[in-house]
Amino acid sequence: MNKQHRFILGLFIIVAVALPQLVSASDKRIKTLERQLKEIWETNQINNQRLAESLSQFDQVRAEIANLRGEIEKIRHESSKDLSERGSQLQKMDHRLSRMDERLADLNTQIKDMSELRGSKKTQSKKTAAARLLYEEAFSELTQKNYKGASRLFSDYIRKYPRGELADNAQYWKGECFFALGDYEKAILEFQNVIEKYPKGNKAAAAMLKQGYSFVQLKAYADAEAFFQLVISKYPKSPEAIQAREKLSEVKEMIKQSS
């Protein structure tokens, strides 16, 4: 067996063993998020259309996970394909799973956001009600994937209500809009505004995590590693720290491969 085949065999064994575990972990995260979503649904105090859209996204991710499981098992038991072809297929699946994990992280943040909106539907001043209306309009555009429109509306909210109760959320989702548009450098700057302007807000950890994700997209793996480490050290017990640990191992492997 030559060096190339030994390398491919090693890669195949590592990925074939690790991928099912990663798929299972993502499946568990979906179940946790679905439970949270159900609790919000049962209160019947927030926009049902938005919840329906989130449920639809869950269905898509669940179907993708089921598809991945089937493909993994098929490849692991297929003898007709050579090692290089199977290794290549498993690498592609690993990339798909990584993208799916990012979608789950976004869904998790959206659910938290909806929970906050649900918890503050009490008596409001006219100014507070107007601010909330603008925020919900922006968030609605976001869930409909009109990222440019959503970004403008979140900017309007921040300009009009810089000390509003949802200002940190608006700043965070503005960063998410640029991330979704593929403008990762701009996203990093917008997420930094969350950290600097609202360091004690509930979106600081998520903003730092998404800075790490943005650096991964830019292939700046050393910077991504630094931000994931920072999330873990500053917010060790947060859900974002769990996600940062998962991505950290991937990034370290990428750094090894690129060195």
Foldseek 3Di string as FASTA:
>chain_A
DDPVQVVLVVLLVVLLVVVVVLLVVVVVLLVVLVVLLVVLVVVVQDDVVLSVLLVVVSVVLVVLSVVLVVVSVCLVPDDPDGSVVSSVVSVVSVVVSVVSLVVSLVSSVVSVVSVVVSVPPDDDDPVLVVLVVLLVVLVVCVSVVVLVSSLVSLVVSCVVCVPHPCNLVSLLVNLVSCVSVVVLVVSLVSLVCSCVVPVPDPCNLVSLLVNLVSCVSVVVLVVSLVSLVVSCVVPVPDPSVVVSVVVNVVSVVSVVVVD
